[in-house]
Amino acid sequence: MKPTPIPKALVDNAFKDYGIQDFAKATIREVKAIAAFAEKEAGVEFIKMEMGIPGLPAAKVGVEAQIKALQEGIANSYPDIQGYPELKKQASRFVKAFIGVDVAPEGCVPTVGSMQGTYASMLLCSQMDPQKDTVLFIDPGFPVQKMQLQVMGVKLASFDIYDYRGDKLAPKVEEYLQKGNICAILYSNPNNPSWVCLTEQELKDIGALADKYGTVVLEDLAYFAMDFRNDLGKPFQPPYQPTVARYTDNYILLISGSKAFSYAGERIAVACISDKLFHTKFKALADKYEGLPFGMVFSTRILYALSSGTSHSAQYALAAIMKAACDGAYSFRDEVKVYGDRAKKLKDIFTRHGFYIVYDQDMGKPIADGFYFTIGYPGMTSGQLARELMYYGVSAICLVTTGSHQEGLRVCTSFIRDNQYDLLEERMAIFEENNKA
C-alpha cells in the first residue's frame, strides 16, 4: 500500500469530532468543513468537488447595473413586493427568448434566490387543497429542498428516475398522483446531480398528468440552458430550453441568477407563474387569504411574510443581465461552457483509474458534460467511497443525500483549477493501486 496524501488518522478523527456516524448521510456543509480542516492540518491541497458554487466571475453587466443603482440611492428604498417593473418585463422577455413560451410580466416575481422561490412555491401549493399535502420529487435532486419541506412540516414523496426514463416515466409519476395527495411535482432540468435532461416527450407526459390531477409542476431551471449538446443560447431562436410550460398551465418556472449568470452571492432569481395559474382562485386559498388568486397569494402574502421582498439592487442587476441576453449583447451560455469542458476532463481521469459514471446514459445517449456528474467505484458503497477519497484529498457528497438509490458520489466541476487535473491524475493512480482487488 502506498501512503495516502492525507493521513487516514487525521480524517478518521475529524469524523469522530464532527459526530458523523454514517458518512453517506453527511451534508454538503459537513463534507466541506472536514475537507477544510484536513487541508489545513495536513498542509495538502484538497480537490474540492462537494459545493455547487459558481467558479466564474459574476456577469459584468449585472455588477455594473447594481453598482449604478446603489450609487443612485436605491438601497434606502424598499422594493415593491411584486418586483422591480423592469425586471418583470425583462424576465418575461427572457422566458420568451430562451424557453419559447409566453409568461406575462405580472407573473414574473423576483425571489431571494431560487431557494426562496421553491420554499414559497411548495408552501403555497401545500395550501391549495386540504387533501393534497405532499410534494413529489423526481429524484435525484437538491438535498436542501427536502430540508425546506421538513422545516415547513409538509410531506414529501420521491422516486429515483434512474430506471424510469422515456415511456416508463409517466406511469411512475401517475402511480403517485392517483393517490390524490400530491400538490406539486418538483424536478431540476438539467438534473442536479445526475445531469440527465428530461426530453420534450417526457415533459409533455408530465404536463398532461398535471392537468389530469390538478397538480402544479415546479420546474427548477437552476442550470438554465446548460445541456451543452444543444445550442440553447440564441435569443428568440430554436432550439429552446425544454420545458413543461409548453404542455400545461399548471407550472412555476424557477430561473436562478446563481449558476447561469454566476450571480450566486446576491441571492436573486425569478419565479415565473403561468398566466392562468397566476389568476386562478382556489377555494382553500381564497378562504385563507381574503379571496386572493394564486399569484397574489404567492407575492403579497407568502413572499411578504418571508422577506418583505427581494434585494432591490440585485433586481436591477438581473434586469440588466436578462435584457443584455435577450438583446444578444451578452452570451451567458458561452461563459459557462467551461463547466462542460471540466466535466469531460474529470470523467476521463476517474474512468481511467477504475471509476464508472453512475448516471451514464441519457435516453440511450451518453450523459452530457456539465456542472455535475456522478461517479462510483466497484465494490464500494457511497459512504465508503466518499471517506476513502478524503484520504486522497478529494471531497464530494454521497448520492443518497440527493434522493438517489444508487451507490456513488456527486462531483461538482465549479471549483476545479487547471493545475488540479495533473494532481487528480496522480492521486487517482495511487487510489487505483491501493484499491486493486
Protein backbone atom coordinates (compact mmCIF):
# COMPACT_ATOMS: atom_id res chain seq x y z
CA MET A 1 0.00 0.00 0.00
CA LYS A 2 1.27 3.44 -0.92
CA PRO A 3 0.81 6.21 1.65
CA THR A 4 -2.20 8.43 1.08
CA PRO A 5 -1.77 12.21 0.61
CA ILE A 6 -3.83 12.86 3.75
CA PRO A 7 -3.10 10.75 6.85
CA LYS A 8 -6.03 8.41 7.43
CA ALA A 9 -5.99 9.00 11.18
CA LEU A 10 -6.44 12.73 10.61
CA VAL A 11 -9.59 12.20 8.54
CA ASP A 12 -10.97 9.49 10.84
CA ASN A 13 -10.53 11.66 13.92
CA ALA A 14 -12.23 14.56 12.15
CA PHE A 15 -15.25 12.33 11.50
CA LYS A 16 -15.41 11.49 15.20
CA ASP A 17 -15.01 15.11 16.28
CA TYR A 18 -17.88 16.19 13.99
CA GLY A 19 -20.05 13.37 15.35
CA ILE A 20 -20.64 11.85 11.91
CA GLN A 21 -21.60 8.20 12.28
CA ASP A 22 -22.55 7.48 8.67
CA PHE A 23 -20.62 9.50 6.11
CA ALA A 24 -23.12 8.51 3.43
CA LYS A 25 -25.55 10.90 5.10
CA ALA A 26 -23.13 13.76 5.71
CA THR A 27 -24.41 17.10 4.47
CA ILE A 28 -22.63 19.30 1.95
CA ARG A 29 -21.60 21.68 4.72
CA GLU A 30 -20.21 18.84 6.88
CA VAL A 31 -18.15 17.46 4.00
CA LYS A 32 -16.87 20.96 3.26
CA ALA A 33 -15.92 21.53 6.88
CA ILE A 34 -13.99 18.26 7.18
CA ALA A 35 -12.18 18.90 3.90
CA ALA A 36 -11.18 22.38 5.05
CA PHE A 37 -9.98 21.01 8.41
CA ALA A 38 -7.94 18.19 6.82
CA GLU A 39 -6.44 20.53 4.25
CA LYS A 40 -5.28 22.95 6.93
CA GLU A 41 -3.95 20.30 9.33
CA ALA A 42 -2.14 18.25 6.68
CA GLY A 43 -0.97 21.22 4.63
CA VAL A 44 -2.06 19.37 1.49
CA GLU A 45 -4.23 20.94 -1.21
CA PHE A 46 -7.73 19.45 -1.45
CA ILE A 47 -9.57 18.99 -4.73
CA LYS A 48 -12.98 20.22 -3.64
CA MET A 49 -15.97 18.88 -5.52
CA GLU A 50 -18.70 18.97 -2.89
CA MET A 51 -20.09 22.50 -3.17
CA GLY A 52 -22.23 23.71 -6.09
CA ILE A 53 -20.85 27.24 -6.04
CA PRO A 54 -20.10 29.09 -9.30
CA GLY A 55 -16.41 29.19 -10.09
CA LEU A 56 -16.62 32.03 -12.60
CA PRO A 57 -16.78 35.84 -12.25
CA ALA A 58 -20.24 37.35 -11.86
CA ALA A 59 -21.83 38.71 -15.04
CA LYS A 60 -20.18 42.11 -15.58
CA VAL A 61 -23.33 43.73 -16.97
CA GLY A 62 -25.13 42.84 -13.74
CA VAL A 63 -22.39 44.12 -11.47
CA GLU A 64 -22.28 47.44 -13.29
CA ALA A 65 -26.06 47.88 -13.16
CA GLN A 66 -26.17 47.01 -9.47
CA ILE A 67 -23.38 49.42 -8.58
CA LYS A 68 -25.09 52.18 -10.54
CA ALA A 69 -28.39 51.51 -8.75
CA LEU A 70 -26.66 51.64 -5.37
CA GLN A 71 -24.81 54.83 -6.22
CA GLU A 72 -28.11 56.43 -7.20
CA GLY A 73 -29.53 55.67 -3.75
CA ILE A 74 -31.73 52.62 -4.31
CA ALA A 75 -30.55 50.97 -1.08
CA ASN A 76 -32.74 53.26 1.04
CA SER A 77 -35.93 52.18 -0.70
CA TYR A 78 -37.99 49.06 -0.05
CA PRO A 79 -38.56 47.04 -3.22
CA ASP A 80 -42.10 46.54 -4.48
CA ILE A 81 -43.27 43.12 -3.28
CA GLN A 82 -44.30 42.33 -6.86
CA GLY A 83 -40.81 43.18 -8.11
CA TYR A 84 -38.96 45.91 -9.97
CA PRO A 85 -41.07 46.58 -13.11
CA GLU A 86 -38.08 46.49 -15.47
CA LEU A 87 -37.01 43.09 -14.10
CA LYS A 88 -40.53 41.74 -14.55
CA LYS A 89 -40.52 42.97 -18.14
CA GLN A 90 -37.10 41.55 -18.94
CA ALA A 91 -37.85 38.23 -17.21
CA SER A 92 -40.92 37.87 -19.40
CA ARG A 93 -38.76 38.61 -22.48
CA PHE A 94 -36.12 36.13 -21.29
CA VAL A 95 -38.66 33.33 -20.97
CA LYS A 96 -39.88 34.08 -24.49
CA ALA A 97 -36.35 34.40 -25.90
CA PHE A 98 -34.79 31.25 -24.44
CA ILE A 99 -37.72 28.99 -23.49
CA GLY A 100 -40.12 29.97 -26.25
CA VAL A 101 -43.25 30.40 -24.12
CA ASP A 102 -45.25 33.43 -23.02
CA VAL A 103 -45.48 34.47 -19.38
CA ALA A 104 -46.86 37.94 -18.62
CA PRO A 105 -44.59 40.30 -16.66
CA GLU A 106 -47.01 40.29 -13.72
CA GLY A 107 -46.36 36.56 -13.23
CA CYS A 108 -42.55 37.01 -13.13
CA VAL A 109 -41.84 37.61 -9.45
CA PRO A 110 -38.32 38.08 -8.05
CA THR A 111 -37.29 35.89 -5.13
CA VAL A 112 -34.27 35.70 -2.83
CA GLY A 113 -32.65 33.06 -4.99
CA SER A 114 -34.48 30.00 -6.27
CA MET A 115 -34.15 28.60 -2.76
CA GLN A 116 -36.78 31.07 -1.61
CA GLY A 117 -38.70 30.51 -4.83
CA THR A 118 -39.05 26.78 -4.19
CA TYR A 119 -39.82 27.32 -0.49
CA ALA A 120 -42.60 29.78 -1.27
CA SER A 121 -43.92 27.65 -4.12
CA MET A 122 -44.07 24.43 -2.10
CA LEU A 123 -45.63 26.20 0.87
CA LEU A 124 -48.30 27.77 -1.34
CA CYS A 125 -49.07 24.55 -3.22
CA SER A 126 -49.44 22.65 0.04
CA GLN A 127 -52.28 25.02 1.00
CA MET A 128 -54.27 24.82 -2.27
CA ASP A 129 -56.30 21.77 -1.30
CA PRO A 130 -56.62 20.17 2.16
CA GLN A 131 -56.48 16.73 0.53
CA LYS A 132 -53.15 17.46 -1.18
CA ASP A 133 -50.45 17.69 1.44
CA THR A 134 -47.43 16.09 -0.28
CA VAL A 135 -44.78 17.26 -2.76
CA LEU A 136 -43.45 14.67 -5.21
CA PHE A 137 -39.73 14.85 -6.03
CA ILE A 138 -38.41 13.31 -9.22
CA ASP A 139 -35.01 12.45 -7.79
CA PRO A 140 -32.09 12.76 -7.55
CA GLY A 141 -32.28 16.39 -6.57
CA PHE A 142 -31.01 19.25 -4.45
CA PRO A 143 -30.93 17.95 -0.83
CA VAL A 144 -31.87 21.27 0.77
CA GLN A 145 -35.29 21.32 -0.94
CA LYS A 146 -36.27 18.31 1.14
CA MET A 147 -34.99 20.12 4.22
CA GLN A 148 -37.30 23.01 3.31
CA LEU A 149 -40.31 20.67 3.49
CA GLN A 150 -39.06 19.36 6.82
CA VAL A 151 -38.87 22.91 8.15
CA MET A 152 -42.39 23.82 6.99
CA GLY A 153 -43.89 20.49 8.04
CA VAL A 154 -45.06 19.44 4.57
CA LYS A 155 -44.90 15.80 3.49
CA LEU A 156 -42.80 14.52 0.62
CA ALA A 157 -42.70 11.55 -1.72
CA SER A 158 -39.96 10.69 -4.17
CA PHE A 159 -38.57 8.19 -6.60
CA ASP A 160 -35.22 7.81 -8.37
CA ILE A 161 -35.53 8.47 -12.10
CA TYR A 162 -32.67 6.05 -12.84
CA ASP A 163 -34.98 3.22 -14.01
CA TYR A 164 -37.91 5.34 -15.23
CA ARG A 165 -36.88 7.24 -18.35
CA GLY A 166 -38.92 7.60 -21.51
CA ASP A 167 -42.21 5.66 -21.61
CA LYS A 168 -41.65 4.46 -18.04
CA LEU A 169 -41.71 7.94 -16.51
CA ALA A 170 -45.39 8.87 -16.88
CA PRO A 171 -46.75 5.63 -15.35
CA LYS A 172 -44.39 6.05 -12.40
CA VAL A 173 -45.48 9.66 -11.82
CA GLU A 174 -49.15 8.69 -12.14
CA GLU A 175 -48.64 5.95 -9.57
CA TYR A 176 -48.17 8.74 -7.03
CA LEU A 177 -50.68 11.25 -8.42
CA GLN A 178 -53.59 8.82 -8.43
CA LYS A 179 -53.39 8.61 -4.64
CA GLY A 180 -54.87 12.13 -4.62
CA ASN A 181 -52.42 13.67 -2.14
CA ILE A 182 -49.80 15.26 -4.43
CA CYS A 183 -49.99 19.05 -4.60
CA ALA A 184 -46.81 19.65 -6.61
CA ILE A 185 -44.11 17.89 -8.63
CA LEU A 186 -40.55 19.18 -8.34
CA TYR A 187 -37.55 18.38 -10.52
CA SER A 188 -34.48 20.12 -11.94
CA ASN A 189 -33.69 20.13 -15.67
CA PRO A 190 -30.77 19.60 -16.30
CA ASN A 191 -30.81 17.43 -13.23
CA ASN A 192 -28.73 18.09 -10.13
CA PRO A 193 -26.69 15.87 -9.74
CA SER A 194 -27.15 13.24 -12.47
CA TRP A 195 -27.23 15.79 -15.32
CA VAL A 196 -29.90 13.81 -17.18
CA CYS A 197 -32.13 16.14 -19.19
CA LEU A 198 -35.84 15.44 -19.48
CA THR A 199 -36.99 15.31 -23.09
CA GLU A 200 -39.89 17.22 -24.59
CA GLN A 201 -41.93 13.99 -24.70
CA GLU A 202 -41.28 13.27 -21.02
CA LEU A 203 -42.23 16.86 -20.17
CA LYS A 204 -45.35 16.58 -22.32
CA ASP A 205 -46.37 13.49 -20.36
CA ILE A 206 -45.77 15.24 -17.03
CA GLY A 207 -47.79 18.24 -18.24
CA ALA A 208 -50.73 16.02 -19.22
CA LEU A 209 -50.70 14.39 -15.79
CA ALA A 210 -50.53 17.78 -14.08
CA ASP A 211 -53.72 18.77 -15.91
CA LYS A 212 -55.43 15.45 -15.20
CA TYR A 213 -54.76 15.55 -11.45
CA GLY A 214 -54.70 19.31 -10.80
CA THR A 215 -51.08 19.27 -9.68
CA VAL A 216 -48.61 22.17 -10.02
CA VAL A 217 -45.25 21.46 -11.66
CA LEU A 218 -42.29 23.26 -10.12
CA GLU A 219 -39.57 23.29 -12.76
CA ASP A 220 -36.22 24.19 -11.23
CA LEU A 221 -34.08 25.69 -14.01
CA ALA A 222 -31.05 26.39 -11.83
CA TYR A 223 -28.74 25.19 -14.62
CA PHE A 224 -30.53 27.07 -17.34
CA ALA A 225 -29.62 26.04 -20.92
CA MET A 226 -26.59 24.06 -19.68
CA ASP A 227 -27.25 20.98 -21.81
CA PHE A 228 -24.20 21.74 -23.93
CA ARG A 229 -25.12 19.07 -26.50
CA ASN A 230 -27.64 21.54 -27.91
CA ASP A 231 -27.23 25.20 -28.88
CA LEU A 232 -29.74 26.75 -26.48
CA GLY A 233 -28.13 30.18 -26.25
CA LYS A 234 -29.54 32.14 -29.20
CA PRO A 235 -32.36 34.51 -28.19
CA PHE A 236 -35.72 34.08 -29.92
CA GLN A 237 -34.40 31.15 -31.97
CA PRO A 238 -34.93 27.43 -31.50
CA PRO A 239 -33.80 25.13 -30.08
CA TYR A 240 -35.18 26.35 -26.76
CA GLN A 241 -34.68 25.17 -23.20
CA PRO A 242 -37.02 22.14 -22.83
CA THR A 243 -39.94 22.90 -20.51
CA VAL A 244 -43.21 21.54 -19.19
CA ALA A 245 -44.68 25.01 -19.82
CA ARG A 246 -45.42 24.04 -23.42
CA TYR A 247 -47.82 21.35 -22.23
CA THR A 248 -49.69 22.63 -19.19
CA ASP A 249 -50.74 25.86 -17.49
CA ASN A 250 -50.09 24.37 -14.05
CA TYR A 251 -46.48 25.43 -13.66
CA ILE A 252 -43.99 27.70 -11.96
CA LEU A 253 -40.60 28.13 -13.65
CA LEU A 254 -37.78 28.89 -11.24
CA ILE A 255 -34.97 30.77 -13.01
CA SER A 256 -31.92 31.44 -10.88
CA GLY A 257 -29.20 34.02 -11.36
CA SER A 258 -26.71 31.87 -9.45
CA LYS A 259 -25.27 29.42 -11.98
CA ALA A 260 -26.11 30.68 -15.49
CA PHE A 261 -25.00 34.23 -14.62
CA SER A 262 -22.59 33.40 -11.74
CA TYR A 263 -24.58 35.79 -9.53
CA ALA A 264 -24.99 33.46 -6.56
CA GLY A 265 -23.84 35.87 -3.87
CA GLU A 266 -26.64 38.37 -4.40
CA ARG A 267 -29.40 35.73 -3.95
CA ILE A 268 -31.56 36.67 -6.92
CA ALA A 269 -33.99 34.69 -9.06
CA VAL A 270 -37.43 34.92 -10.62
CA ALA A 271 -40.40 32.62 -10.19
CA CYS A 272 -42.42 32.68 -13.41
CA ILE A 273 -46.03 31.65 -12.79
CA SER A 274 -48.22 30.78 -15.78
CA ASP A 275 -50.81 33.40 -16.67
CA LYS A 276 -53.69 31.02 -15.98
CA LEU A 277 -52.34 29.73 -12.66
CA PHE A 278 -51.49 33.25 -11.52
CA HIS A 279 -55.17 34.29 -11.77
CA THR A 280 -56.73 31.02 -10.57
CA LYS A 281 -58.68 31.19 -7.32
CA PHE A 282 -58.53 28.04 -5.22
CA LYS A 283 -61.20 27.76 -2.56
CA ALA A 284 -58.81 26.88 0.24
CA LEU A 285 -56.54 29.82 -0.64
CA ALA A 286 -59.43 32.22 -1.11
CA ASP A 287 -60.85 31.26 2.29
CA LYS A 288 -57.47 31.74 3.96
CA TYR A 289 -56.28 34.83 2.11
CA GLU A 290 -59.30 37.11 1.60
CA GLY A 291 -60.24 35.81 -1.84
CA LEU A 292 -56.86 36.39 -3.49
CA PRO A 293 -55.83 34.36 -6.54
CA PHE A 294 -52.79 32.06 -6.58
CA GLY A 295 -50.24 34.59 -7.88
CA MET A 296 -51.17 37.33 -5.45
CA VAL A 297 -51.01 34.95 -2.51
CA PHE A 298 -47.52 33.98 -3.68
CA SER A 299 -46.25 37.57 -3.62
CA THR A 300 -48.35 39.67 -1.25
CA ARG A 301 -48.74 37.02 1.44
CA ILE A 302 -46.03 34.35 1.35
CA LEU A 303 -43.08 36.34 -0.02
CA TYR A 304 -44.10 39.36 2.04
CA ALA A 305 -44.10 37.23 5.18
CA LEU A 306 -40.79 35.57 4.32
CA SER A 307 -38.62 38.54 3.41
CA SER A 308 -40.71 41.59 2.53
CA GLY A 309 -39.27 41.48 -0.98
CA THR A 310 -36.02 40.78 -2.76
CA SER A 311 -32.79 42.83 -2.65
CA HIS A 312 -33.59 45.99 -4.59
CA SER A 313 -30.20 46.50 -6.23
CA ALA A 314 -29.91 42.81 -7.16
CA GLN A 315 -33.15 43.15 -9.10
CA TYR A 316 -31.54 45.92 -11.16
CA ALA A 317 -28.61 43.57 -11.82
CA LEU A 318 -30.77 40.69 -13.01
CA ALA A 319 -32.89 43.02 -15.16
CA ALA A 320 -29.74 44.25 -16.92
CA ILE A 321 -28.41 40.71 -17.36
CA MET A 322 -31.65 39.41 -18.86
CA LYS A 323 -32.01 42.44 -21.13
CA ALA A 324 -28.46 42.05 -22.45
CA ALA A 325 -29.05 38.32 -23.04
CA CYS A 326 -32.30 38.96 -24.91
CA ASP A 327 -30.69 41.72 -26.96
CA GLY A 328 -27.84 39.41 -27.95
CA ALA A 329 -25.28 41.61 -26.20
CA TYR A 330 -24.40 39.03 -23.53
CA SER A 331 -23.86 35.37 -24.38
CA PHE A 332 -24.18 33.87 -20.92
CA ARG A 333 -24.03 30.32 -22.25
CA ASP A 334 -20.62 30.80 -23.85
CA GLU A 335 -19.23 31.85 -20.48
CA VAL A 336 -20.47 28.77 -18.59
CA LYS A 337 -19.44 26.20 -21.22
CA VAL A 338 -16.21 25.80 -19.28
CA TYR A 339 -18.12 23.60 -16.81
CA GLY A 340 -18.72 21.07 -19.58
CA ASP A 341 -15.05 21.14 -20.56
CA ARG A 342 -14.05 20.49 -16.96
CA ALA A 343 -16.51 17.62 -16.61
CA LYS A 344 -15.10 15.84 -19.65
CA LYS A 345 -11.52 16.07 -18.36
CA LEU A 346 -12.51 14.92 -14.87
CA LYS A 347 -14.58 12.00 -16.16
CA ASP A 348 -11.64 10.85 -18.27
CA ILE A 349 -9.35 10.85 -15.23
CA PHE A 350 -11.76 8.98 -12.97
CA THR A 351 -12.74 6.33 -15.53
CA ARG A 352 -9.09 5.78 -16.47
CA HIS A 353 -8.47 4.68 -12.88
CA GLY A 354 -11.32 2.24 -12.41
CA PHE A 355 -14.26 4.52 -11.56
CA TYR A 356 -17.51 4.44 -13.51
CA ILE A 357 -20.14 7.07 -14.25
CA VAL A 358 -23.28 6.16 -12.29
CA TYR A 359 -25.84 8.08 -14.35
CA ASP A 360 -24.02 7.47 -17.63
CA GLN A 361 -26.89 7.39 -20.13
CA ASP A 362 -29.50 9.94 -21.10
CA MET A 363 -32.20 8.23 -23.16
CA GLY A 364 -29.68 5.95 -24.83
CA LYS A 365 -27.10 8.68 -25.39
CA PRO A 366 -24.02 9.42 -23.28
CA ILE A 367 -24.80 11.85 -20.47
CA ALA A 368 -23.97 15.48 -21.21
CA ASP A 369 -20.93 17.16 -19.67
CA GLY A 370 -21.92 19.93 -17.30
CA PHE A 371 -21.87 21.40 -13.82
CA TYR A 372 -22.25 17.99 -12.11
CA PHE A 373 -21.66 14.33 -12.82
CA THR A 374 -21.75 11.13 -10.77
CA ILE A 375 -19.09 8.52 -10.03
CA GLY A 376 -18.94 5.12 -8.39
CA TYR A 377 -16.23 2.56 -7.67
CA PRO A 378 -16.69 -1.22 -7.86
CA GLY A 379 -17.31 -2.84 -4.50
CA MET A 380 -17.68 0.41 -2.56
CA THR A 381 -20.79 1.96 -1.07
CA SER A 382 -21.34 5.70 -1.27
CA GLY A 383 -20.13 6.26 2.27
CA GLN A 384 -17.05 4.09 1.85
CA LEU A 385 -16.06 5.83 -1.37
CA ALA A 386 -16.57 9.34 0.00
CA ARG A 387 -14.49 8.56 3.05
CA GLU A 388 -11.76 6.81 1.06
CA LEU A 389 -11.41 9.74 -1.34
CA MET A 390 -10.92 12.07 1.62
CA TYR A 391 -7.63 10.25 2.29
CA TYR A 392 -6.57 11.31 -1.20
CA GLY A 393 -7.57 14.95 -0.73
CA VAL A 394 -10.77 14.75 -2.78
CA SER A 395 -14.15 15.77 -1.37
CA ALA A 396 -17.62 15.02 -2.78
CA ILE A 397 -21.10 14.27 -1.42
CA CYS A 398 -22.91 10.94 -1.48
CA LEU A 399 -25.77 10.35 -3.89
CA VAL A 400 -28.02 9.08 -1.11
CA THR A 401 -28.34 12.66 0.18
CA THR A 402 -29.85 13.66 -3.17
CA GLY A 403 -32.59 11.04 -3.07
CA SER A 404 -30.75 8.67 -5.39
CA HIS A 405 -30.91 4.94 -4.74
CA GLN A 406 -27.58 4.35 -6.50
CA GLU A 407 -24.22 3.91 -4.82
CA GLY A 408 -21.86 6.72 -5.71
CA LEU A 409 -20.95 10.37 -5.37
CA ARG A 410 -21.91 13.72 -6.84
CA VAL A 411 -18.97 15.58 -8.36
CA CYS A 412 -19.16 19.34 -8.95
CA THR A 413 -16.87 20.90 -11.56
CA SER A 414 -17.15 24.51 -10.49
CA PHE A 415 -14.03 24.88 -8.32
CA ILE A 416 -11.61 22.84 -10.41
CA ARG A 417 -8.47 24.77 -11.34
CA ASP A 418 -6.22 24.00 -14.30
CA ASN A 419 -3.37 22.83 -12.06
CA GLN A 420 -5.58 20.24 -10.39
CA TYR A 421 -6.05 17.86 -13.34
CA ASP A 422 -2.48 16.55 -13.03
CA LEU A 423 -2.87 16.45 -9.26
CA LEU A 424 -6.06 14.40 -9.52
CA GLU A 425 -4.43 12.07 -12.07
CA GLU A 426 -1.55 11.43 -9.71
CA ARG A 427 -3.78 10.81 -6.70
CA MET A 428 -6.25 8.56 -8.52
CA ALA A 429 -3.33 6.44 -9.80
CA ILE A 430 -2.38 5.84 -6.15
CA PHE A 431 -6.05 5.23 -5.27
CA GLU A 432 -6.32 2.62 -8.03
CA GLU A 433 -3.15 0.83 -6.93
CA ASN A 434 -4.24 0.81 -3.28
CA ASN A 435 -7.72 -0.48 -4.08
CA LYS A 436 -6.97 -3.21 -6.58
CA ALA A 437 -8.98 -6.36 -5.88
